[in-house]
Amino acid sequence: MLSSKAEDYLEAILKLTEDKGYARIKDIAEALNRRPPSVNEMVKRLDEMGYVVYRKYEGITLTDKGRKRAHIIKDRHDTLKKFLMMINVPENIADKDACTMEHELDETTIKNVRNFVDFVNTAPEFPRWLEHFEQFCINGKHPCKHLRKRE
């Protein structure tokens, strides 16, 4: 079982290799806001566990096992970020919160969040209730008069 910290490293290595074609200790340190010696230590552990291949001065590459796990983590993150943005969480906060949530939620929860996001995104028409929810977030009142409680 990987720690959430180790999963963050795999996700960062995946992103760097997709963006730049390679990942170095320095790049990972910048991406995760960590010191290079700490990154070096974690990369060595991930190498020993078979998730990456680390060759000093040549960089870090994901193994098939590492790439598979990194894609799972990235998919969880992307799904949660989309969901949070769907419910009006600002993107920078959604990204940060998705990082926290991606490690803690049960796979069943992630699956249902993914299904919900896909369902909403593939609806034939933009669901009006999302517009209503946005308005509710702004003023705390439901825009549909017939749904308001009678006073």
N, C-alpha and C. Protein backbone atom coordinates (compact mmCIF):
# COMPACT_ATOMS: atom_id res chain seq x y z
N MET A 1 0.84 -1.18 0.00
CA MET A 1 0.00 0.00 0.00
C MET A 1 0.89 1.25 0.00
N LEU A 2 0.59 2.16 -0.88
CA LEU A 2 1.36 3.40 -0.96
C LEU A 2 0.77 4.46 -0.05
N SER A 3 1.62 5.28 0.52
CA SER A 3 1.16 6.42 1.31
C SER A 3 0.63 7.50 0.36
N SER A 4 -0.15 8.42 0.90
CA SER A 4 -0.67 9.50 0.07
C SER A 4 0.49 10.35 -0.46
N LYS A 5 1.53 10.49 0.32
CA LYS A 5 2.71 11.24 -0.12
C LYS A 5 3.36 10.56 -1.33
N ALA A 6 3.51 9.24 -1.26
CA ALA A 6 4.10 8.49 -2.38
C ALA A 6 3.23 8.61 -3.62
N GLU A 7 1.90 8.56 -3.42
CA GLU A 7 0.99 8.71 -4.56
C GLU A 7 1.13 10.09 -5.20
N ASP A 8 1.33 11.12 -4.37
CA ASP A 8 1.54 12.47 -4.91
C ASP A 8 2.79 12.51 -5.79
N TYR A 9 3.82 11.80 -5.37
CA TYR A 9 5.05 11.75 -6.16
C TYR A 9 4.80 11.07 -7.51
N LEU A 10 4.09 9.95 -7.50
CA LEU A 10 3.80 9.26 -8.76
C LEU A 10 2.99 10.15 -9.70
N GLU A 11 2.01 10.85 -9.14
CA GLU A 11 1.18 11.74 -9.95
C GLU A 11 2.03 12.88 -10.54
N ALA A 12 2.93 13.44 -9.74
CA ALA A 12 3.80 14.51 -10.22
C ALA A 12 4.75 14.00 -11.31
N ILE A 13 5.30 12.82 -11.12
CA ILE A 13 6.21 12.25 -12.12
C ILE A 13 5.45 12.01 -13.42
N LEU A 14 4.23 11.50 -13.33
CA LEU A 14 3.41 11.29 -14.53
C LEU A 14 3.19 12.60 -15.26
N LYS A 15 2.77 13.62 -14.53
CA LYS A 15 2.50 14.92 -15.16
C LYS A 15 3.76 15.49 -15.81
N LEU A 16 4.87 15.43 -15.11
CA LEU A 16 6.12 15.95 -15.67
C LEU A 16 6.53 15.21 -16.93
N THR A 17 6.43 13.88 -16.90
CA THR A 17 6.85 13.12 -18.08
C THR A 17 5.88 13.35 -19.24
N GLU A 18 4.60 13.58 -18.94
CA GLU A 18 3.66 13.89 -20.02
C GLU A 18 3.93 15.28 -20.60
N ASP A 19 4.28 16.24 -19.74
CA ASP A 19 4.51 17.62 -20.18
C ASP A 19 5.89 17.83 -20.81
N LYS A 20 6.92 17.27 -20.19
CA LYS A 20 8.29 17.54 -20.60
C LYS A 20 8.99 16.36 -21.26
N GLY A 21 8.42 15.18 -21.08
CA GLY A 21 9.07 13.99 -21.62
C GLY A 21 10.02 13.33 -20.63
N TYR A 22 10.26 13.98 -19.49
CA TYR A 22 11.16 13.43 -18.48
C TYR A 22 10.84 14.06 -17.13
N ALA A 23 11.38 13.47 -16.08
CA ALA A 23 11.27 14.03 -14.73
C ALA A 23 12.62 13.91 -14.05
N ARG A 24 13.03 15.00 -13.45
CA ARG A 24 14.27 15.01 -12.67
C ARG A 24 13.93 15.36 -11.23
N ILE A 25 14.85 15.10 -10.34
CA ILE A 25 14.66 15.41 -8.92
C ILE A 25 14.27 16.89 -8.75
N LYS A 26 14.98 17.74 -9.43
CA LYS A 26 14.73 19.19 -9.35
C LYS A 26 13.29 19.52 -9.77
N ASP A 27 12.83 18.91 -10.87
CA ASP A 27 11.48 19.16 -11.38
C ASP A 27 10.42 18.71 -10.38
N ILE A 28 10.63 17.53 -9.81
CA ILE A 28 9.67 16.98 -8.84
C ILE A 28 9.64 17.86 -7.60
N ALA A 29 10.82 18.30 -7.14
CA ALA A 29 10.90 19.16 -5.97
C ALA A 29 10.11 20.45 -6.20
N GLU A 30 10.25 21.05 -7.38
CA GLU A 30 9.50 22.26 -7.70
C GLU A 30 8.00 21.99 -7.76
N ALA A 31 7.63 20.90 -8.41
CA ALA A 31 6.21 20.58 -8.58
C ALA A 31 5.51 20.33 -7.25
N LEU A 32 6.21 19.72 -6.29
CA LEU A 32 5.61 19.35 -5.01
C LEU A 32 6.01 20.28 -3.87
N ASN A 33 6.80 21.30 -4.20
CA ASN A 33 7.28 22.25 -3.20
C ASN A 33 8.00 21.53 -2.05
N ARG A 34 8.92 20.66 -2.45
CA ARG A 34 9.72 19.89 -1.50
C ARG A 34 11.21 20.19 -1.75
N ARG A 35 12.03 19.84 -0.78
CA ARG A 35 13.46 20.00 -0.93
C ARG A 35 14.02 18.81 -1.71
N PRO A 36 15.01 19.04 -2.58
CA PRO A 36 15.58 17.94 -3.38
C PRO A 36 16.04 16.73 -2.57
N PRO A 37 16.67 16.88 -1.39
CA PRO A 37 17.05 15.67 -0.64
C PRO A 37 15.85 14.81 -0.24
N SER A 38 14.73 15.44 0.10
CA SER A 38 13.51 14.69 0.44
C SER A 38 12.98 13.96 -0.78
N VAL A 39 13.01 14.64 -1.92
CA VAL A 39 12.55 14.02 -3.17
C VAL A 39 13.44 12.85 -3.51
N ASN A 40 14.73 13.03 -3.39
CA ASN A 40 15.69 11.96 -3.69
C ASN A 40 15.39 10.72 -2.86
N GLU A 41 15.12 10.92 -1.58
CA GLU A 41 14.83 9.81 -0.67
C GLU A 41 13.55 9.07 -1.10
N MET A 42 12.48 9.82 -1.42
CA MET A 42 11.22 9.18 -1.82
C MET A 42 11.38 8.47 -3.16
N VAL A 43 12.08 9.07 -4.09
CA VAL A 43 12.28 8.45 -5.40
C VAL A 43 13.04 7.14 -5.27
N LYS A 44 14.02 7.11 -4.39
CA LYS A 44 14.77 5.87 -4.15
C LYS A 44 13.83 4.78 -3.60
N ARG A 45 12.93 5.18 -2.67
CA ARG A 45 11.97 4.21 -2.13
C ARG A 45 11.02 3.71 -3.22
N LEU A 46 10.54 4.62 -4.06
CA LEU A 46 9.64 4.22 -5.15
C LEU A 46 10.36 3.30 -6.13
N ASP A 47 11.65 3.54 -6.33
CA ASP A 47 12.46 2.67 -7.19
C ASP A 47 12.56 1.27 -6.58
N GLU A 48 12.82 1.22 -5.28
CA GLU A 48 12.92 -0.08 -4.59
C GLU A 48 11.59 -0.84 -4.62
N MET A 49 10.49 -0.12 -4.64
CA MET A 49 9.16 -0.73 -4.65
C MET A 49 8.70 -1.10 -6.07
N GLY A 50 9.49 -0.71 -7.08
CA GLY A 50 9.17 -1.08 -8.45
C GLY A 50 8.22 -0.14 -9.17
N TYR A 51 8.03 1.08 -8.64
CA TYR A 51 7.14 2.04 -9.29
C TYR A 51 7.86 2.97 -10.26
N VAL A 52 9.14 3.18 -10.03
CA VAL A 52 9.93 4.04 -10.92
C VAL A 52 11.29 3.39 -11.15
N VAL A 53 11.94 3.89 -12.19
CA VAL A 53 13.35 3.56 -12.42
C VAL A 53 14.10 4.87 -12.24
N TYR A 54 15.03 4.87 -11.30
CA TYR A 54 15.79 6.08 -11.00
C TYR A 54 17.25 5.83 -11.30
N ARG A 55 17.75 6.61 -12.24
CA ARG A 55 19.18 6.57 -12.56
C ARG A 55 19.73 7.96 -12.30
N LYS A 56 20.61 8.02 -11.31
CA LYS A 56 21.19 9.30 -10.93
C LYS A 56 21.75 10.02 -12.16
N TYR A 57 21.44 11.28 -12.29
CA TYR A 57 21.86 12.16 -13.39
C TYR A 57 21.14 11.87 -14.71
N GLU A 58 20.30 10.84 -14.76
CA GLU A 58 19.56 10.55 -15.99
C GLU A 58 18.08 10.83 -15.84
N GLY A 59 17.57 10.85 -14.64
CA GLY A 59 16.17 11.14 -14.43
C GLY A 59 15.38 9.95 -13.94
N ILE A 60 14.09 10.18 -13.85
CA ILE A 60 13.17 9.19 -13.29
C ILE A 60 12.13 8.85 -14.34
N THR A 61 11.87 7.56 -14.50
CA THR A 61 10.79 7.11 -15.38
C THR A 61 9.88 6.18 -14.60
N LEU A 62 8.63 6.18 -14.97
CA LEU A 62 7.67 5.28 -14.33
C LEU A 62 7.78 3.90 -14.95
N THR A 63 7.68 2.88 -14.13
CA THR A 63 7.56 1.52 -14.64
C THR A 63 6.11 1.33 -15.07
N ASP A 64 5.79 0.21 -15.68
CA ASP A 64 4.39 -0.07 -16.03
C ASP A 64 3.51 -0.03 -14.78
N LYS A 65 4.02 -0.63 -13.71
CA LYS A 65 3.29 -0.64 -12.43
C LYS A 65 3.09 0.79 -11.92
N GLY A 66 4.12 1.61 -12.00
CA GLY A 66 4.04 3.00 -11.55
C GLY A 66 3.12 3.84 -12.41
N ARG A 67 3.20 3.61 -13.73
CA ARG A 67 2.34 4.36 -14.66
C ARG A 67 0.86 4.02 -14.43
N LYS A 68 0.60 2.74 -14.21
CA LYS A 68 -0.78 2.32 -13.97
C LYS A 68 -1.32 2.98 -12.70
N ARG A 69 -0.53 2.93 -11.63
CA ARG A 69 -0.97 3.53 -10.36
C ARG A 69 -1.11 5.05 -10.49
N ALA A 70 -0.18 5.69 -11.18
CA ALA A 70 -0.23 7.15 -11.37
C ALA A 70 -1.48 7.56 -12.14
N HIS A 71 -1.85 6.78 -13.15
CA HIS A 71 -3.06 7.10 -13.93
C HIS A 71 -4.32 6.95 -13.06
N ILE A 72 -4.34 5.96 -12.19
CA ILE A 72 -5.48 5.78 -11.28
C ILE A 72 -5.59 7.00 -10.36
N ILE A 73 -4.48 7.43 -9.82
CA ILE A 73 -4.46 8.59 -8.92
C ILE A 73 -4.89 9.85 -9.67
N LYS A 74 -4.36 10.03 -10.86
CA LYS A 74 -4.70 11.21 -11.68
C LYS A 74 -6.19 11.22 -12.02
N ASP A 75 -6.73 10.05 -12.36
CA ASP A 75 -8.15 9.96 -12.69
C ASP A 75 -9.01 10.31 -11.47
N ARG A 76 -8.62 9.82 -10.31
CA ARG A 76 -9.35 10.15 -9.07
C ARG A 76 -9.32 11.66 -8.84
N HIS A 77 -8.13 12.24 -8.99
CA HIS A 77 -7.96 13.68 -8.78
C HIS A 77 -8.83 14.47 -9.76
N ASP A 78 -8.73 14.13 -11.03
CA ASP A 78 -9.48 14.86 -12.06
C ASP A 78 -10.98 14.76 -11.83
N THR A 79 -11.45 13.57 -11.46
CA THR A 79 -12.87 13.35 -11.20
C THR A 79 -13.34 14.21 -10.04
N LEU A 80 -12.59 14.19 -8.95
CA LEU A 80 -12.99 14.97 -7.77
C LEU A 80 -12.92 16.47 -8.05
N LYS A 81 -11.91 16.90 -8.78
CA LYS A 81 -11.79 18.32 -9.12
C LYS A 81 -12.98 18.76 -9.97
N LYS A 82 -13.36 17.96 -10.97
CA LYS A 82 -14.52 18.30 -11.80
C LYS A 82 -15.79 18.39 -10.97
N PHE A 83 -15.96 17.43 -10.06
CA PHE A 83 -17.14 17.44 -9.20
C PHE A 83 -17.17 18.70 -8.33
N LEU A 84 -16.05 19.02 -7.71
CA LEU A 84 -16.00 20.19 -6.84
C LEU A 84 -16.26 21.47 -7.62
N MET A 85 -15.71 21.56 -8.82
CA MET A 85 -15.97 22.74 -9.65
C MET A 85 -17.44 22.79 -10.09
N MET A 86 -18.04 21.62 -10.27
CA MET A 86 -19.45 21.54 -10.65
C MET A 86 -20.34 22.13 -9.55
N ILE A 87 -19.89 22.02 -8.30
CA ILE A 87 -20.69 22.57 -7.20
C ILE A 87 -20.14 23.92 -6.74
N ASN A 88 -19.52 24.62 -7.68
CA ASN A 88 -19.09 26.01 -7.50
C ASN A 88 -17.90 26.23 -6.59
N VAL A 89 -17.07 25.25 -6.42
CA VAL A 89 -15.82 25.45 -5.69
C VAL A 89 -14.84 26.06 -6.69
N PRO A 90 -14.19 27.17 -6.35
CA PRO A 90 -13.21 27.77 -7.27
C PRO A 90 -12.12 26.78 -7.65
N GLU A 91 -11.62 26.89 -8.87
CA GLU A 91 -10.69 25.89 -9.41
C GLU A 91 -9.46 25.67 -8.54
N ASN A 92 -8.85 26.74 -8.04
CA ASN A 92 -7.63 26.56 -7.24
C ASN A 92 -7.93 25.79 -5.95
N ILE A 93 -9.09 26.04 -5.35
CA ILE A 93 -9.48 25.32 -4.13
C ILE A 93 -9.88 23.88 -4.48
N ALA A 94 -10.61 23.72 -5.59
CA ALA A 94 -11.01 22.38 -6.03
C ALA A 94 -9.78 21.50 -6.28
N ASP A 95 -8.76 22.08 -6.88
CA ASP A 95 -7.54 21.33 -7.16
C ASP A 95 -6.86 20.89 -5.86
N LYS A 96 -6.75 21.80 -4.92
CA LYS A 96 -6.12 21.50 -3.62
C LYS A 96 -6.93 20.47 -2.84
N ASP A 97 -8.26 20.66 -2.79
CA ASP A 97 -9.11 19.73 -2.05
C ASP A 97 -9.15 18.34 -2.71
N ALA A 98 -9.13 18.31 -4.04
CA ALA A 98 -9.11 17.02 -4.74
C ALA A 98 -7.85 16.25 -4.36
N CYS A 99 -6.74 16.96 -4.16
CA CYS A 99 -5.48 16.32 -3.73
C CYS A 99 -5.66 15.61 -2.40
N THR A 100 -6.38 16.25 -1.51
CA THR A 100 -6.61 15.65 -0.19
C THR A 100 -7.57 14.47 -0.30
N MET A 101 -8.65 14.67 -1.01
CA MET A 101 -9.71 13.66 -1.09
C MET A 101 -9.30 12.42 -1.87
N GLU A 102 -8.47 12.59 -2.89
CA GLU A 102 -8.13 11.47 -3.78
C GLU A 102 -7.51 10.29 -3.04
N HIS A 103 -6.90 10.57 -1.90
CA HIS A 103 -6.23 9.52 -1.13
C HIS A 103 -7.13 8.89 -0.08
N GLU A 104 -8.20 9.56 0.28
CA GLU A 104 -8.99 9.15 1.44
C GLU A 104 -10.31 8.46 1.12
N LEU A 105 -10.89 8.76 -0.03
CA LEU A 105 -12.21 8.22 -0.34
C LEU A 105 -12.16 6.79 -0.83
N ASP A 106 -13.18 6.04 -0.46
CA ASP A 106 -13.32 4.66 -0.91
C ASP A 106 -13.54 4.64 -2.43
N GLU A 107 -13.10 3.58 -3.06
CA GLU A 107 -13.24 3.45 -4.52
C GLU A 107 -14.70 3.49 -4.95
N THR A 108 -15.61 2.98 -4.13
CA THR A 108 -17.04 3.02 -4.46
C THR A 108 -17.52 4.47 -4.53
N THR A 109 -17.06 5.29 -3.60
CA THR A 109 -17.42 6.71 -3.60
C THR A 109 -16.89 7.38 -4.86
N ILE A 110 -15.63 7.13 -5.17
CA ILE A 110 -15.03 7.71 -6.38
C ILE A 110 -15.80 7.28 -7.61
N LYS A 111 -16.16 6.02 -7.69
CA LYS A 111 -16.91 5.50 -8.84
C LYS A 111 -18.23 6.24 -9.00
N ASN A 112 -18.94 6.45 -7.89
CA ASN A 112 -20.23 7.12 -7.99
C ASN A 112 -20.09 8.61 -8.27
N VAL A 113 -19.05 9.24 -7.75
CA VAL A 113 -18.79 10.64 -8.10
C VAL A 113 -18.48 10.73 -9.60
N ARG A 114 -17.65 9.80 -10.11
CA ARG A 114 -17.33 9.77 -11.54
C ARG A 114 -18.59 9.57 -12.37
N ASN A 115 -19.45 8.65 -11.95
CA ASN A 115 -20.71 8.42 -12.66
C ASN A 115 -21.57 9.68 -12.67
N PHE A 116 -21.64 10.37 -11.53
CA PHE A 116 -22.42 11.60 -11.46
C PHE A 116 -21.86 12.67 -12.39
N VAL A 117 -20.55 12.87 -12.37
CA VAL A 117 -19.92 13.87 -13.23
C VAL A 117 -20.17 13.51 -14.70
N ASP A 118 -19.98 12.26 -15.05
CA ASP A 118 -20.21 11.83 -16.44
C ASP A 118 -21.68 11.99 -16.83
N PHE A 119 -22.59 11.65 -15.92
CA PHE A 119 -24.02 11.79 -16.18
C PHE A 119 -24.38 13.24 -16.47
N VAL A 120 -23.91 14.14 -15.62
CA VAL A 120 -24.22 15.56 -15.81
C VAL A 120 -23.58 16.08 -17.10
N ASN A 121 -22.33 15.70 -17.33
CA ASN A 121 -21.62 16.21 -18.51
C ASN A 121 -22.15 15.65 -19.83
N THR A 122 -22.85 14.52 -19.79
CA THR A 122 -23.37 13.95 -21.04
C THR A 122 -24.88 14.12 -21.16
N ALA A 123 -25.47 14.91 -20.25
CA ALA A 123 -26.91 15.15 -20.33
C ALA A 123 -27.22 15.87 -21.65
N PRO A 124 -28.37 15.54 -22.29
CA PRO A 124 -28.70 16.15 -23.58
C PRO A 124 -28.75 17.68 -23.51
N GLU A 125 -29.21 18.21 -22.42
CA GLU A 125 -29.24 19.66 -22.23
C GLU A 125 -28.56 19.96 -20.91
N PHE A 126 -27.96 21.13 -20.81
CA PHE A 126 -27.36 21.53 -19.55
C PHE A 126 -28.43 21.51 -18.48
N PRO A 127 -28.25 20.75 -17.44
CA PRO A 127 -29.30 20.64 -16.41
C PRO A 127 -29.60 21.99 -15.76
N ARG A 128 -30.86 22.37 -15.79
CA ARG A 128 -31.27 23.65 -15.20
C ARG A 128 -30.96 23.68 -13.71
N TRP A 129 -31.02 22.54 -13.05
CA TRP A 129 -30.78 22.55 -11.62
C TRP A 129 -29.37 22.99 -11.27
N LEU A 130 -28.41 22.81 -12.20
CA LEU A 130 -27.07 23.32 -11.94
C LEU A 130 -27.07 24.85 -11.94
N GLU A 131 -27.83 25.44 -12.87
CA GLU A 131 -27.97 26.90 -12.87
C GLU A 131 -28.64 27.35 -11.57
N HIS A 132 -29.67 26.63 -11.16
CA HIS A 132 -30.37 26.96 -9.92
C HIS A 132 -29.42 26.86 -8.73
N PHE A 133 -28.60 25.83 -8.74
CA PHE A 133 -27.64 25.65 -7.64
C PHE A 133 -26.65 26.82 -7.59
N GLU A 134 -26.16 27.25 -8.77
CA GLU A 134 -25.25 28.39 -8.82
C GLU A 134 -25.90 29.62 -8.21
N GLN A 135 -27.16 29.86 -8.56
CA GLN A 135 -27.89 31.01 -8.00
C GLN A 135 -28.06 30.84 -6.49
N PHE A 136 -28.37 29.63 -6.06
CA PHE A 136 -28.53 29.36 -4.63
C PHE A 136 -27.22 29.64 -3.87
N CYS A 137 -26.08 29.27 -4.47
CA CYS A 137 -24.79 29.52 -3.83
C CYS A 137 -24.53 31.01 -3.67
N ILE A 138 -25.02 31.79 -4.60
CA ILE A 138 -24.80 33.24 -4.56
C ILE A 138 -25.67 33.91 -3.51
N ASN A 139 -26.96 33.58 -3.50
CA ASN A 139 -27.87 34.32 -2.62
C ASN A 139 -28.58 33.50 -1.54
N GLY A 140 -28.35 32.19 -1.53
CA GLY A 140 -28.95 31.35 -0.50
C GLY A 140 -30.43 31.09 -0.68
N LYS A 141 -30.97 31.44 -1.83
CA LYS A 141 -32.39 31.24 -2.08
C LYS A 141 -32.59 30.41 -3.33
N HIS A 142 -33.54 29.51 -3.27
CA HIS A 142 -33.85 28.67 -4.42
C HIS A 142 -34.60 29.53 -5.45
N PRO A 143 -34.16 29.51 -6.70
CA PRO A 143 -34.78 30.35 -7.71
C PRO A 143 -36.18 29.89 -8.15
N CYS A 144 -36.55 28.68 -7.84
CA CYS A 144 -37.87 28.19 -8.22
C CYS A 144 -38.85 28.48 -7.09
N LYS A 145 -39.74 29.42 -7.32
CA LYS A 145 -40.69 29.82 -6.29
C LYS A 145 -41.53 28.67 -5.79
N HIS A 146 -41.93 27.77 -6.69
CA HIS A 146 -42.80 26.69 -6.30
C HIS A 146 -42.11 25.67 -5.38
N LEU A 147 -40.77 25.75 -5.27
CA LEU A 147 -40.06 24.83 -4.40
C LEU A 147 -39.76 25.43 -3.03
N ARG A 148 -40.05 26.72 -2.87
CA ARG A 148 -39.79 27.37 -1.58
C ARG A 148 -40.86 26.95 -0.57
N LYS A 149 -40.43 26.89 0.66
CA LYS A 149 -41.37 26.57 1.74
C LYS A 149 -42.38 27.70 1.89
N ARG A 150 -43.59 27.33 2.19
CA ARG A 150 -44.60 28.35 2.45
C ARG A 150 -44.40 28.88 3.85
N GLU A 151 -44.51 30.17 3.97
CA GLU A 151 -44.32 30.78 5.29
C GLU A 151 -45.62 30.97 6.01
